[in-house]
Amino acid sequence: MSYNVTAYYDNNGISARLSYVFNDKSYASQSNTQSLCYPTISSQPTCPGGAYLFSQAYGQADFSSSLRLSRLFGELPTDPEVTFDVQNLFLSKLRTFDQFANATHSYYNQGQVFLFGLRGTW
């Protein structure tokens, strides 16, 4: 299951957007990931009963906004606009696990990204 939700405001030179994306726990790869094997009672040298790799449920919120400077200072050349964005607003972390939720395979804390900008038209 996955879903996206976005709230948006845009009026008179001010805009703001908050979006959220969610992906439920998902199957990431087949059996025998990274040669991780379950103990077996047979004497086979292969690994038919290996662990499956799953991705933990993950949700991320992003925010973006802009303000036309003409709203504050009157008409300006190039109609400049100041922007501010935040990616991963709530510090979500990515995690995968091998077969069991307590068997972490990978853990990634990508942190937040802040973006400031100035744009205009020529």
PDB file of N, CA and C in Angstrom:
ATOM      1  N   MET A   1       0.843  -1.167   0.000  1.00  0.00           N
ATOM      2  CA  MET A   1       0.000   0.000   0.000  1.00  0.00           C
ATOM      3  C   MET A   1       0.891   1.234   0.000  1.00  0.00           C
ATOM      4  N   SER A   2       0.505   2.230  -0.775  1.00  0.00           N
ATOM      5  CA  SER A   2       1.207   3.506  -0.745  1.00  0.00           C
ATOM      6  C   SER A   2       0.204   4.609  -1.023  1.00  0.00           C
ATOM      7  N   TYR A   3       0.506   5.790  -0.523  1.00  0.00           N
ATOM      8  CA  TYR A   3      -0.353   6.933  -0.811  1.00  0.00           C
ATOM      9  C   TYR A   3       0.441   8.225  -0.734  1.00  0.00           C
ATOM     10  N   ASN A   4      -0.090   9.240  -1.389  1.00  0.00           N
ATOM     11  CA  ASN A   4       0.468  10.591  -1.390  1.00  0.00           C
ATOM     12  C   ASN A   4      -0.638  11.556  -0.995  1.00  0.00           C
ATOM     13  N   VAL A   5      -0.294  12.523  -0.157  1.00  0.00           N
ATOM     14  CA  VAL A   5      -1.236  13.563   0.243  1.00  0.00           C
ATOM     15  C   VAL A   5      -0.516  14.899   0.108  1.00  0.00           C
ATOM     16  N   THR A   6      -1.183  15.880  -0.495  1.00  0.00           N
ATOM     17  CA  THR A   6      -0.576  17.193  -0.665  1.00  0.00           C
ATOM     18  C   THR A   6      -1.587  18.279  -0.323  1.00  0.00           C
ATOM     19  N   ALA A   7      -1.133  19.254   0.470  1.00  0.00           N
ATOM     20  CA  ALA A   7      -1.925  20.449   0.760  1.00  0.00           C
ATOM     21  C   ALA A   7      -1.187  21.620   0.128  1.00  0.00           C
ATOM     22  N   TYR A   8      -1.926  22.490  -0.553  1.00  0.00           N
ATOM     23  CA  TYR A   8      -1.299  23.552  -1.316  1.00  0.00           C
ATOM     24  C   TYR A   8      -2.049  24.859  -1.110  1.00  0.00           C
ATOM     25  N   TYR A   9      -1.298  25.954  -0.932  1.00  0.00           N
ATOM     26  CA  TYR A   9      -1.879  27.294  -0.849  1.00  0.00           C
ATOM     27  C   TYR A   9      -1.130  28.186  -1.824  1.00  0.00           C
ATOM     28  N   ASP A  10      -1.871  28.969  -2.605  1.00  0.00           N
ATOM     29  CA  ASP A  10      -1.256  29.904  -3.551  1.00  0.00           C
ATOM     30  C   ASP A  10      -2.190  31.089  -3.718  1.00  0.00           C
ATOM     31  N   ASN A  11      -1.749  32.266  -3.253  1.00  0.00           N
ATOM     32  CA  ASN A  11      -2.586  33.447  -3.346  1.00  0.00           C
ATOM     33  C   ASN A  11      -1.736  34.703  -3.243  1.00  0.00           C
ATOM     34  N   ASN A  12      -1.891  35.590  -4.202  1.00  0.00           N
ATOM     35  CA  ASN A  12      -1.307  36.928  -4.147  1.00  0.00           C
ATOM     36  C   ASN A  12       0.199  36.931  -3.855  1.00  0.00           C
ATOM     37  N   GLY A  13       0.946  36.090  -4.548  1.00  0.00           N
ATOM     38  CA  GLY A  13       2.402  36.102  -4.405  1.00  0.00           C
ATOM     39  C   GLY A  13       2.960  35.238  -3.292  1.00  0.00           C
ATOM     40  N   ILE A  14       2.114  34.552  -2.557  1.00  0.00           N
ATOM     41  CA  ILE A  14       2.555  33.644  -1.484  1.00  0.00           C
ATOM     42  C   ILE A  14       2.111  32.237  -1.855  1.00  0.00           C
ATOM     43  N   SER A  15       3.030  31.284  -1.783  1.00  0.00           N
ATOM     44  CA  SER A  15       2.628  29.896  -2.000  1.00  0.00           C
ATOM     45  C   SER A  15       3.326  28.996  -0.995  1.00  0.00           C
ATOM     46  N   ALA A  16       2.639  27.942  -0.614  1.00  0.00           N
ATOM     47  CA  ALA A  16       3.188  26.948   0.322  1.00  0.00           C
ATOM     48  C   ALA A  16       2.609  25.590  -0.056  1.00  0.00           C
ATOM     49  N   ARG A  17       3.438  24.568   0.084  1.00  0.00           N
ATOM     50  CA  ARG A  17       3.006  23.210  -0.228  1.00  0.00           C
ATOM     51  C   ARG A  17       3.586  22.267   0.806  1.00  0.00           C
ATOM     52  N   LEU A  18       2.761  21.406   1.345  1.00  0.00           N
ATOM     53  CA  LEU A  18       3.187  20.349   2.258  1.00  0.00           C
ATOM     54  C   LEU A  18       2.724  19.039   1.649  1.00  0.00           C
ATOM     55  N   SER A  19       3.658  18.123   1.418  1.00  0.00           N
ATOM     56  CA  SER A  19       3.280  16.832   0.844  1.00  0.00           C
ATOM     57  C   SER A  19       3.841  15.705   1.699  1.00  0.00           C
ATOM     58  N   TYR A  20       3.118  14.602   1.690  1.00  0.00           N
ATOM     59  CA  TYR A  20       3.512  13.426   2.466  1.00  0.00           C
ATOM     60  C   TYR A  20       3.336  12.200   1.582  1.00  0.00           C
ATOM     61  N   VAL A  21       4.332  11.335   1.564  1.00  0.00           N
ATOM     62  CA  VAL A  21       4.259  10.081   0.822  1.00  0.00           C
ATOM     63  C   VAL A  21       4.499   8.938   1.808  1.00  0.00           C
ATOM     64  N   PHE A  22       3.744   7.863   1.647  1.00  0.00           N
ATOM     65  CA  PHE A  22       3.868   6.708   2.542  1.00  0.00           C
ATOM     66  C   PHE A  22       3.925   5.438   1.704  1.00  0.00           C
ATOM     67  N   ASN A  23       4.842   4.564   2.046  1.00  0.00           N
ATOM     68  CA  ASN A  23       4.929   3.224   1.456  1.00  0.00           C
ATOM     69  C   ASN A  23       4.939   2.216   2.596  1.00  0.00           C
ATOM     70  N   ASP A  24       4.030   1.286   2.559  1.00  0.00           N
ATOM     71  CA  ASP A  24       3.938   0.262   3.601  1.00  0.00           C
ATOM     72  C   ASP A  24       5.103  -0.720   3.474  1.00  0.00           C
ATOM     73  N   LYS A  25       5.251  -1.582   4.460  1.00  0.00           N
ATOM     74  CA  LYS A  25       6.273  -2.629   4.411  1.00  0.00           C
ATOM     75  C   LYS A  25       6.175  -3.355   3.078  1.00  0.00           C
ATOM     76  N   SER A  26       7.332  -3.600   2.464  1.00  0.00           N
ATOM     77  CA  SER A  26       7.303  -4.260   1.166  1.00  0.00           C
ATOM     78  C   SER A  26       8.411  -5.295   1.042  1.00  0.00           C
ATOM     79  N   TYR A  27       8.176  -6.216   0.161  1.00  0.00           N
ATOM     80  CA  TYR A  27       9.109  -7.274  -0.173  1.00  0.00           C
ATOM     81  C   TYR A  27      10.168  -6.677  -1.090  1.00  0.00           C
ATOM     82  N   ALA A  28      11.455  -6.795  -0.732  1.00  0.00           N
ATOM     83  CA  ALA A  28      12.516  -6.151  -1.504  1.00  0.00           C
ATOM     84  C   ALA A  28      13.319  -7.128  -2.368  1.00  0.00           C
ATOM     85  N   SER A  29      13.508  -8.364  -1.939  1.00  0.00           N
ATOM     86  CA  SER A  29      14.229  -9.321  -2.778  1.00  0.00           C
ATOM     87  C   SER A  29      13.893 -10.749  -2.374  1.00  0.00           C
ATOM     88  N   GLN A  30      14.342 -11.653  -3.218  1.00  0.00           N
ATOM     89  CA  GLN A  30      14.020 -13.057  -3.026  1.00  0.00           C
ATOM     90  C   GLN A  30      14.850 -13.715  -1.931  1.00  0.00           C
ATOM     91  N   SER A  31      14.636 -14.981  -1.764  1.00  0.00           N
ATOM     92  CA  SER A  31      15.340 -15.792  -0.779  1.00  0.00           C
ATOM     93  C   SER A  31      16.855 -15.774  -1.004  1.00  0.00           C
ATOM     94  N   ASN A  32      17.592 -15.973   0.050  1.00  0.00           N
ATOM     95  CA  ASN A  32      19.048 -16.090   0.029  1.00  0.00           C
ATOM     96  C   ASN A  32      19.745 -14.760  -0.272  1.00  0.00           C
ATOM     97  N   THR A  33      19.236 -13.702   0.274  1.00  0.00           N
ATOM     98  CA  THR A  33      19.851 -12.390   0.125  1.00  0.00           C
ATOM     99  C   THR A  33      21.211 -12.378   0.809  1.00  0.00           C
ATOM    100  N   GLN A  34      22.224 -11.924   0.098  1.00  0.00           N
ATOM    101  CA  GLN A  34      23.573 -11.804   0.659  1.00  0.00           C
ATOM    102  C   GLN A  34      24.075 -13.139   1.213  1.00  0.00           C
ATOM    103  N   SER A  35      23.604 -14.248   0.672  1.00  0.00           N
ATOM    104  CA  SER A  35      23.975 -15.606   1.107  1.00  0.00           C
ATOM    105  C   SER A  35      23.645 -15.862   2.571  1.00  0.00           C
ATOM    106  N   LEU A  36      22.601 -15.231   3.066  1.00  0.00           N
ATOM    107  CA  LEU A  36      22.154 -15.442   4.437  1.00  0.00           C
ATOM    108  C   LEU A  36      21.242 -16.664   4.438  1.00  0.00           C
ATOM    109  N   CYS A  37      21.676 -17.732   5.096  1.00  0.00           N
ATOM    110  CA  CYS A  37      20.937 -18.995   5.066  1.00  0.00           C
ATOM    111  C   CYS A  37      20.359 -19.338   6.431  1.00  0.00           C
ATOM    112  N   TYR A  38      19.202 -19.979   6.387  1.00  0.00           N
ATOM    113  CA  TYR A  38      18.662 -20.570   7.600  1.00  0.00           C
ATOM    114  C   TYR A  38      19.359 -21.896   7.839  1.00  0.00           C
ATOM    115  N   PRO A  39      19.481 -22.318   9.073  1.00  0.00           N
ATOM    116  CA  PRO A  39      20.042 -23.659   9.310  1.00  0.00           C
ATOM    117  C   PRO A  39      19.147 -24.706   8.646  1.00  0.00           C
ATOM    118  N   THR A  40      19.759 -25.715   8.099  1.00  0.00           N
ATOM    119  CA  THR A  40      18.988 -26.751   7.422  1.00  0.00           C
ATOM    120  C   THR A  40      19.398 -28.118   7.948  1.00  0.00           C
ATOM    121  N   ILE A  41      18.465 -29.039   7.931  1.00  0.00           N
ATOM    122  CA  ILE A  41      18.780 -30.382   8.411  1.00  0.00           C
ATOM    123  C   ILE A  41      19.318 -31.254   7.284  1.00  0.00           C
ATOM    124  N   SER A  42      19.202 -30.780   6.057  1.00  0.00           N
ATOM    125  CA  SER A  42      19.720 -31.578   4.942  1.00  0.00           C
ATOM    126  C   SER A  42      21.212 -31.313   4.767  1.00  0.00           C
ATOM    127  N   SER A  43      21.860 -32.160   4.015  1.00  0.00           N
ATOM    128  CA  SER A  43      23.296 -32.011   3.788  1.00  0.00           C
ATOM    129  C   SER A  43      23.588 -31.303   2.469  1.00  0.00           C
ATOM    130  N   GLN A  44      22.616 -30.596   1.916  1.00  0.00           N
ATOM    131  CA  GLN A  44      22.818 -29.892   0.649  1.00  0.00           C
ATOM    132  C   GLN A  44      23.788 -28.724   0.844  1.00  0.00           C
ATOM    133  N   PRO A  45      24.706 -28.526  -0.093  1.00  0.00           N
ATOM    134  CA  PRO A  45      25.640 -27.410   0.008  1.00  0.00           C
ATOM    135  C   PRO A  45      25.019 -26.077  -0.416  1.00  0.00           C
ATOM    136  N   THR A  46      23.815 -26.111  -0.972  1.00  0.00           N
ATOM    137  CA  THR A  46      23.161 -24.869  -1.404  1.00  0.00           C
ATOM    138  C   THR A  46      22.334 -24.284  -0.272  1.00  0.00           C
ATOM    139  N   CYS A  47      21.669 -23.198  -0.566  1.00  0.00           N
ATOM    140  CA  CYS A  47      20.905 -22.502   0.453  1.00  0.00           C
ATOM    141  C   CYS A  47      19.467 -22.269  -0.019  1.00  0.00           C
ATOM    142  N   PRO A  48      18.644 -23.296  -0.070  1.00  0.00           N
ATOM    143  CA  PRO A  48      17.290 -23.120  -0.604  1.00  0.00           C
ATOM    144  C   PRO A  48      16.362 -22.363   0.334  1.00  0.00           C
ATOM    145  N   GLY A  49      16.657 -22.320   1.605  1.00  0.00           N
ATOM    146  CA  GLY A  49      15.749 -21.696   2.566  1.00  0.00           C
ATOM    147  C   GLY A  49      16.276 -20.397   3.117  1.00  0.00           C
ATOM    148  N   GLY A  50      16.874 -19.583   2.279  1.00  0.00           N
ATOM    149  CA  GLY A  50      17.462 -18.330   2.747  1.00  0.00           C
ATOM    150  C   GLY A  50      16.426 -17.301   3.148  1.00  0.00           C
ATOM    151  N   ALA A  51      16.899 -16.239   3.770  1.00  0.00           N
ATOM    152  CA  ALA A  51      16.022 -15.180   4.266  1.00  0.00           C
ATOM    153  C   ALA A  51      15.602 -14.235   3.138  1.00  0.00           C
ATOM    154  N   TYR A  52      14.408 -13.698   3.232  1.00  0.00           N
ATOM    155  CA  TYR A  52      13.910 -12.696   2.298  1.00  0.00           C
ATOM    156  C   TYR A  52      14.241 -11.306   2.840  1.00  0.00           C
ATOM    157  N   LEU A  53      14.387 -10.334   1.958  1.00  0.00           N
ATOM    158  CA  LEU A  53      14.693  -8.967   2.365  1.00  0.00           C
ATOM    159  C   LEU A  53      13.425  -8.114   2.232  1.00  0.00           C
ATOM    160  N   PHE A  54      13.114  -7.360   3.286  1.00  0.00           N
ATOM    161  CA  PHE A  54      11.935  -6.500   3.316  1.00  0.00           C
ATOM    162  C   PHE A  54      12.346  -5.059   3.600  1.00  0.00           C
ATOM    163  N   SER A  55      11.551  -4.128   3.104  1.00  0.00           N
ATOM    164  CA  SER A  55      11.719  -2.717   3.436  1.00  0.00           C
ATOM    165  C   SER A  55      10.667  -2.364   4.472  1.00  0.00           C
ATOM    166  N   GLN A  56      11.086  -1.699   5.515  1.00  0.00           N
ATOM    167  CA  GLN A  56      10.159  -1.270   6.564  1.00  0.00           C
ATOM    168  C   GLN A  56       9.235  -0.185   6.004  1.00  0.00           C
ATOM    169  N   ALA A  57       8.052  -0.050   6.574  1.00  0.00           N
ATOM    170  CA  ALA A  57       7.148   1.025   6.166  1.00  0.00           C
ATOM    171  C   ALA A  57       7.867   2.363   6.311  1.00  0.00           C
ATOM    172  N   TYR A  58       7.614   3.269   5.349  1.00  0.00           N
ATOM    173  CA  TYR A  58       8.344   4.531   5.326  1.00  0.00           C
ATOM    174  C   TYR A  58       7.428   5.667   4.890  1.00  0.00           C
ATOM    175  N   GLY A  59       7.489   6.764   5.610  1.00  0.00           N
ATOM    176  CA  GLY A  59       6.736   7.957   5.243  1.00  0.00           C
ATOM    177  C   GLY A  59       7.641   9.170   5.310  1.00  0.00           C
ATOM    178  N   GLN A  60       7.472  10.089   4.376  1.00  0.00           N
ATOM    179  CA  GLN A  60       8.303  11.287   4.353  1.00  0.00           C
ATOM    180  C   GLN A  60       7.451  12.503   4.010  1.00  0.00           C
ATOM    181  N   ALA A  61       7.668  13.598   4.743  1.00  0.00           N
ATOM    182  CA  ALA A  61       6.985  14.865   4.485  1.00  0.00           C
ATOM    183  C   ALA A  61       7.983  15.870   3.930  1.00  0.00           C
ATOM    184  N   ASP A  62       7.538  16.643   2.948  1.00  0.00           N
ATOM    185  CA  ASP A  62       8.350  17.698   2.348  1.00  0.00           C
ATOM    186  C   ASP A  62       7.545  18.990   2.340  1.00  0.00           C
ATOM    187  N   PHE A  63       8.250  20.109   2.500  1.00  0.00           N
ATOM    188  CA  PHE A  63       7.609  21.421   2.525  1.00  0.00           C
ATOM    189  C   PHE A  63       8.303  22.331   1.520  1.00  0.00           C
ATOM    190  N   SER A  64       7.542  23.111   0.790  1.00  0.00           N
ATOM    191  CA  SER A  64       8.135  24.118  -0.091  1.00  0.00           C
ATOM    192  C   SER A  64       7.285  25.379  -0.038  1.00  0.00           C
ATOM    193  N   SER A  65       7.955  26.520  -0.206  1.00  0.00           N
ATOM    194  CA  SER A  65       7.243  27.797  -0.139  1.00  0.00           C
ATOM    195  C   SER A  65       7.953  28.827  -1.002  1.00  0.00           C
ATOM    196  N   SER A  66       7.216  29.877  -1.344  1.00  0.00           N
ATOM    197  CA  SER A  66       7.813  30.986  -2.081  1.00  0.00           C
ATOM    198  C   SER A  66       7.052  32.269  -1.769  1.00  0.00           C
ATOM    199  N   LEU A  67       7.757  33.374  -1.928  1.00  0.00           N
ATOM    200  CA  LEU A  67       7.185  34.697  -1.681  1.00  0.00           C
ATOM    201  C   LEU A  67       7.693  35.639  -2.761  1.00  0.00           C
ATOM    202  N   ARG A  68       6.792  36.259  -3.500  1.00  0.00           N
ATOM    203  CA  ARG A  68       7.171  37.269  -4.496  1.00  0.00           C
ATOM    204  C   ARG A  68       7.533  38.550  -3.752  1.00  0.00           C
ATOM    205  N   LEU A  69       8.738  39.048  -4.012  1.00  0.00           N
ATOM    206  CA  LEU A  69       9.215  40.236  -3.301  1.00  0.00           C
ATOM    207  C   LEU A  69       8.419  41.489  -3.652  1.00  0.00           C
ATOM    208  N   SER A  70       7.738  41.497  -4.777  1.00  0.00           N
ATOM    209  CA  SER A  70       6.898  42.643  -5.135  1.00  0.00           C
ATOM    210  C   SER A  70       5.755  42.814  -4.135  1.00  0.00           C
ATOM    211  N   ARG A  71       5.404  41.790  -3.447  1.00  0.00           N
ATOM    212  CA  ARG A  71       4.369  41.868  -2.412  1.00  0.00           C
ATOM    213  C   ARG A  71       4.832  42.753  -1.257  1.00  0.00           C
ATOM    214  N   LEU A  72       6.145  42.737  -0.967  1.00  0.00           N
ATOM    215  CA  LEU A  72       6.702  43.535   0.132  1.00  0.00           C
ATOM    216  C   LEU A  72       7.231  44.893  -0.329  1.00  0.00           C
ATOM    217  N   PHE A  73       7.855  44.933  -1.515  1.00  0.00           N
ATOM    218  CA  PHE A  73       8.579  46.127  -1.937  1.00  0.00           C
ATOM    219  C   PHE A  73       7.979  46.827  -3.151  1.00  0.00           C
ATOM    220  N   GLY A  74       6.851  46.407  -3.599  1.00  0.00           N
ATOM    221  CA  GLY A  74       6.274  46.995  -4.805  1.00  0.00           C
ATOM    222  C   GLY A  74       6.890  46.369  -6.042  1.00  0.00           C
ATOM    223  N   GLU A  75       6.581  46.928  -7.205  1.00  0.00           N
ATOM    224  CA  GLU A  75       7.063  46.361  -8.459  1.00  0.00           C
ATOM    225  C   GLU A  75       8.584  46.454  -8.563  1.00  0.00           C
ATOM    226  N   LEU A  76       9.214  45.311  -8.882  1.00  0.00           N
ATOM    227  CA  LEU A  76      10.670  45.220  -9.018  1.00  0.00           C
ATOM    228  C   LEU A  76      11.015  44.614 -10.367  1.00  0.00           C
ATOM    229  N   PRO A  77      12.192  44.974 -10.939  1.00  0.00           N
ATOM    230  CA  PRO A  77      12.597  44.333 -12.199  1.00  0.00           C
ATOM    231  C   PRO A  77      12.808  42.828 -11.996  1.00  0.00           C
ATOM    232  N   THR A  78      12.503  42.059 -12.957  1.00  0.00           N
ATOM    233  CA  THR A  78      12.589  40.587 -13.017  1.00  0.00           C
ATOM    234  C   THR A  78      11.588  39.889 -12.097  1.00  0.00           C
ATOM    235  N   ASP A  79      10.740  40.634 -11.404  1.00  0.00           N
ATOM    236  CA  ASP A  79       9.724  40.057 -10.511  1.00  0.00           C
ATOM    237  C   ASP A  79      10.315  38.939  -9.631  1.00  0.00           C
ATOM    238  N   PRO A  80      11.309  39.262  -8.772  1.00  0.00           N
ATOM    239  CA  PRO A  80      11.996  38.222  -7.998  1.00  0.00           C
ATOM    240  C   PRO A  80      11.096  37.522  -6.979  1.00  0.00           C
ATOM    241  N   GLU A  81      11.479  36.287  -6.719  1.00  0.00           N
ATOM    242  CA  GLU A  81      10.735  35.441  -5.793  1.00  0.00           C
ATOM    243  C   GLU A  81      11.739  34.716  -4.894  1.00  0.00           C
ATOM    244  N   VAL A  82      11.505  34.720  -3.591  1.00  0.00           N
ATOM    245  CA  VAL A  82      12.350  33.998  -2.632  1.00  0.00           C
ATOM    246  C   VAL A  82      11.691  32.653  -2.358  1.00  0.00           C
ATOM    247  N   THR A  83      12.492  31.582  -2.354  1.00  0.00           N
ATOM    248  CA  THR A  83      11.959  30.243  -2.103  1.00  0.00           C
ATOM    249  C   THR A  83      12.639  29.617  -0.886  1.00  0.00           C
ATOM    250  N   PHE A  84      11.912  28.759  -0.211  1.00  0.00           N
ATOM    251  CA  PHE A  84      12.439  28.002   0.930  1.00  0.00           C
ATOM    252  C   PHE A  84      11.789  26.626   0.903  1.00  0.00           C
ATOM    253  N   ASP A  85      12.611  25.579   0.941  1.00  0.00           N
ATOM    254  CA  ASP A  85      12.126  24.196   0.912  1.00  0.00           C
ATOM    255  C   ASP A  85      12.804  23.378   2.004  1.00  0.00           C
ATOM    256  N   VAL A  86      12.080  22.400   2.522  1.00  0.00           N
ATOM    257  CA  VAL A  86      12.642  21.430   3.464  1.00  0.00           C
ATOM    258  C   VAL A  86      12.248  20.044   2.987  1.00  0.00           C
ATOM    259  N   GLN A  87      13.235  19.193   2.753  1.00  0.00           N
ATOM    260  CA  GLN A  87      12.979  17.803   2.397  1.00  0.00           C
ATOM    261  C   GLN A  87      13.181  16.951   3.641  1.00  0.00           C
ATOM    262  N   ASN A  88      12.340  15.941   3.811  1.00  0.00           N
ATOM    263  CA  ASN A  88      12.355  15.047   4.970  1.00  0.00           C
ATOM    264  C   ASN A  88      12.117  15.848   6.253  1.00  0.00           C
ATOM    265  N   LEU A  89      11.010  16.538   6.292  1.00  0.00           N
ATOM    266  CA  LEU A  89      10.656  17.445   7.376  1.00  0.00           C
ATOM    267  C   LEU A  89      10.701  16.792   8.756  1.00  0.00           C
ATOM    268  N   PHE A  90      10.260  15.549   8.878  1.00  0.00           N
ATOM    269  CA  PHE A  90      10.184  14.875  10.185  1.00  0.00           C
ATOM    270  C   PHE A  90      11.300  13.856  10.405  1.00  0.00           C
ATOM    271  N   LEU A  91      12.402  13.970   9.671  1.00  0.00           N
ATOM    272  CA  LEU A  91      13.598  13.131   9.855  1.00  0.00           C
ATOM    273  C   LEU A  91      13.309  11.627   9.754  1.00  0.00           C
ATOM    274  N   SER A  92      12.594  11.216   8.737  1.00  0.00           N
ATOM    275  CA  SER A  92      12.313   9.792   8.525  1.00  0.00           C
ATOM    276  C   SER A  92      13.591   9.041   8.171  1.00  0.00           C
ATOM    277  N   LYS A  93      13.633   7.765   8.525  1.00  0.00           N
ATOM    278  CA  LYS A  93      14.802   6.922   8.275  1.00  0.00           C
ATOM    279  C   LYS A  93      14.393   5.698   7.453  1.00  0.00           C
ATOM    280  N   LEU A  94      15.270   5.295   6.546  1.00  0.00           N
ATOM    281  CA  LEU A  94      15.033   4.109   5.716  1.00  0.00           C
ATOM    282  C   LEU A  94      15.656   2.891   6.382  1.00  0.00           C
ATOM    283  N   ARG A  95      14.927   1.760   6.388  1.00  0.00           N
ATOM    284  CA  ARG A  95      15.453   0.549   7.022  1.00  0.00           C
ATOM    285  C   ARG A  95      14.963  -0.674   6.264  1.00  0.00           C
ATOM    286  N   THR A  96      15.865  -1.639   6.068  1.00  0.00           N
ATOM    287  CA  THR A  96      15.487  -2.937   5.524  1.00  0.00           C
ATOM    288  C   THR A  96      15.844  -4.005   6.547  1.00  0.00           C
ATOM    289  N   PHE A  97      15.163  -5.147   6.455  1.00  0.00           N
ATOM    290  CA  PHE A  97      15.456  -6.236   7.390  1.00  0.00           C
ATOM    291  C   PHE A  97      15.344  -7.579   6.690  1.00  0.00           C
ATOM    292  N   ASP A  98      16.096  -8.555   7.221  1.00  0.00           N
ATOM    293  CA  ASP A  98      16.132  -9.909   6.673  1.00  0.00           C
ATOM    294  C   ASP A  98      15.114 -10.790   7.391  1.00  0.00           C
ATOM    295  N   GLN A  99      14.010 -11.077   6.744  1.00  0.00           N
ATOM    296  CA  GLN A  99      12.988 -12.017   7.179  1.00  0.00           C
ATOM    297  C   GLN A  99      12.261 -11.597   8.460  1.00  0.00           C
ATOM    298  N   PHE A 100      12.978 -11.205   9.495  1.00  0.00           N
ATOM    299  CA  PHE A 100      12.369 -10.861  10.780  1.00  0.00           C
ATOM    300  C   PHE A 100      12.609  -9.386  11.076  1.00  0.00           C
ATOM    301  N   ALA A 101      11.626  -8.714  11.642  1.00  0.00           N
ATOM    302  CA  ALA A 101      11.701  -7.267  11.860  1.00  0.00           C
ATOM    303  C   ALA A 101      12.872  -6.851  12.747  1.00  0.00           C
ATOM    304  N   ASN A 102      13.374  -7.743  13.576  1.00  0.00           N
ATOM    305  CA  ASN A 102      14.503  -7.378  14.450  1.00  0.00           C
ATOM    306  C   ASN A 102      15.863  -7.719  13.832  1.00  0.00           C
ATOM    307  N   ALA A 103      15.889  -8.188  12.600  1.00  0.00           N
ATOM    308  CA  ALA A 103      17.143  -8.534  11.911  1.00  0.00           C
ATOM    309  C   ALA A 103      17.469  -7.448  10.879  1.00  0.00           C
ATOM    310  N   THR A 104      17.945  -6.307  11.347  1.00  0.00           N
ATOM    311  CA  THR A 104      18.216  -5.167  10.469  1.00  0.00           C
ATOM    312  C   THR A 104      19.270  -5.513   9.427  1.00  0.00           C
ATOM    313  N   HIS A 105      18.972  -5.219   8.194  1.00  0.00           N
ATOM    314  CA  HIS A 105      19.915  -5.432   7.089  1.00  0.00           C
ATOM    315  C   HIS A 105      20.629  -4.117   6.752  1.00  0.00           C
ATOM    316  N   SER A 106      19.853  -3.044   6.639  1.00  0.00           N
ATOM    317  CA  SER A 106      20.455  -1.729   6.392  1.00  0.00           C
ATOM    318  C   SER A 106      19.626  -0.653   7.086  1.00  0.00           C
ATOM    319  N   TYR A 107      20.295   0.425   7.440  1.00  0.00           N
ATOM    320  CA  TYR A 107      19.648   1.540   8.133  1.00  0.00           C
ATOM    321  C   TYR A 107      20.267   2.816   7.590  1.00  0.00           C
ATOM    322  N   TYR A 108      19.428   3.710   7.091  1.00  0.00           N
ATOM    323  CA  TYR A 108      19.932   4.929   6.466  1.00  0.00           C
ATOM    324  C   TYR A 108      19.203   6.142   7.017  1.00  0.00           C
ATOM    325  N   ASN A 109      19.956   7.026   7.651  1.00  0.00           N
ATOM    326  CA  ASN A 109      19.413   8.270   8.172  1.00  0.00           C
ATOM    327  C   ASN A 109      19.912   9.393   7.270  1.00  0.00           C
ATOM    328  N   GLN A 110      19.090   9.781   6.294  1.00  0.00           N
ATOM    329  CA  GLN A 110      19.522  10.770   5.326  1.00  0.00           C
ATOM    330  C   GLN A 110      19.403  12.198   5.824  1.00  0.00           C
ATOM    331  N   GLY A 111      18.803  12.428   6.980  1.00  0.00           N
ATOM    332  CA  GLY A 111      18.702  13.767   7.538  1.00  0.00           C
ATOM    333  C   GLY A 111      17.745  14.654   6.759  1.00  0.00           C
ATOM    334  N   GLN A 112      17.844  15.946   7.013  1.00  0.00           N
ATOM    335  CA  GLN A 112      17.009  16.930   6.332  1.00  0.00           C
ATOM    336  C   GLN A 112      17.838  17.716   5.328  1.00  0.00           C
ATOM    337  N   VAL A 113      17.157  18.244   4.338  1.00  0.00           N
ATOM    338  CA  VAL A 113      17.792  19.119   3.353  1.00  0.00           C
ATOM    339  C   VAL A 113      17.017  20.435   3.348  1.00  0.00           C
ATOM    340  N   PHE A 114      17.728  21.541   3.530  1.00  0.00           N
ATOM    341  CA  PHE A 114      17.137  22.874   3.486  1.00  0.00           C
ATOM    342  C   PHE A 114      17.618  23.574   2.221  1.00  0.00           C
ATOM    343  N   LEU A 115      16.692  24.144   1.476  1.00  0.00           N
ATOM    344  CA  LEU A 115      17.035  24.821   0.231  1.00  0.00           C
ATOM    345  C   LEU A 115      16.480  26.247   0.267  1.00  0.00           C
ATOM    346  N   PHE A 116      17.339  27.193  -0.021  1.00  0.00           N
ATOM    347  CA  PHE A 116      16.942  28.594  -0.137  1.00  0.00           C
ATOM    348  C   PHE A 116      17.216  29.019  -1.571  1.00  0.00           C
ATOM    349  N   GLY A 117      16.360  29.838  -2.142  1.00  0.00           N
ATOM    350  CA  GLY A 117      16.595  30.252  -3.518  1.00  0.00           C
ATOM    351  C   GLY A 117      16.030  31.617  -3.825  1.00  0.00           C
ATOM    352  N   LEU A 118      16.475  32.172  -4.926  1.00  0.00           N
ATOM    353  CA  LEU A 118      15.977  33.426  -5.456  1.00  0.00           C
ATOM    354  C   LEU A 118      15.811  33.232  -6.950  1.00  0.00           C
ATOM    355  N   ARG A 119      14.634  33.519  -7.473  1.00  0.00           N
ATOM    356  CA  ARG A 119      14.434  33.358  -8.902  1.00  0.00           C
ATOM    357  C   ARG A 119      13.678  34.560  -9.452  1.00  0.00           C
ATOM    358  N   GLY A 120      13.861  34.787 -10.716  1.00  0.00           N
ATOM    359  CA  GLY A 120      13.190  35.890 -11.394  1.00  0.00           C
ATOM    360  C   GLY A 120      13.029  35.559 -12.858  1.00  0.00           C
ATOM    361  N   THR A 121      12.412  36.467 -13.591  1.00  0.00           N
ATOM    362  CA  THR A 121      12.212  36.266 -15.029  1.00  0.00           C
ATOM    363  C   THR A 121      12.965  37.353 -15.786  1.00  0.00           C
ATOM    364  N   TRP A 122      13.513  36.980 -16.942  1.00  0.00           N
ATOM    365  CA  TRP A 122      14.260  37.949 -17.761  1.00  0.00           C
ATOM    366  C   TRP A 122      13.659  38.002 -19.121  1.00  0.00           C
TER     367      TRP A 122
END
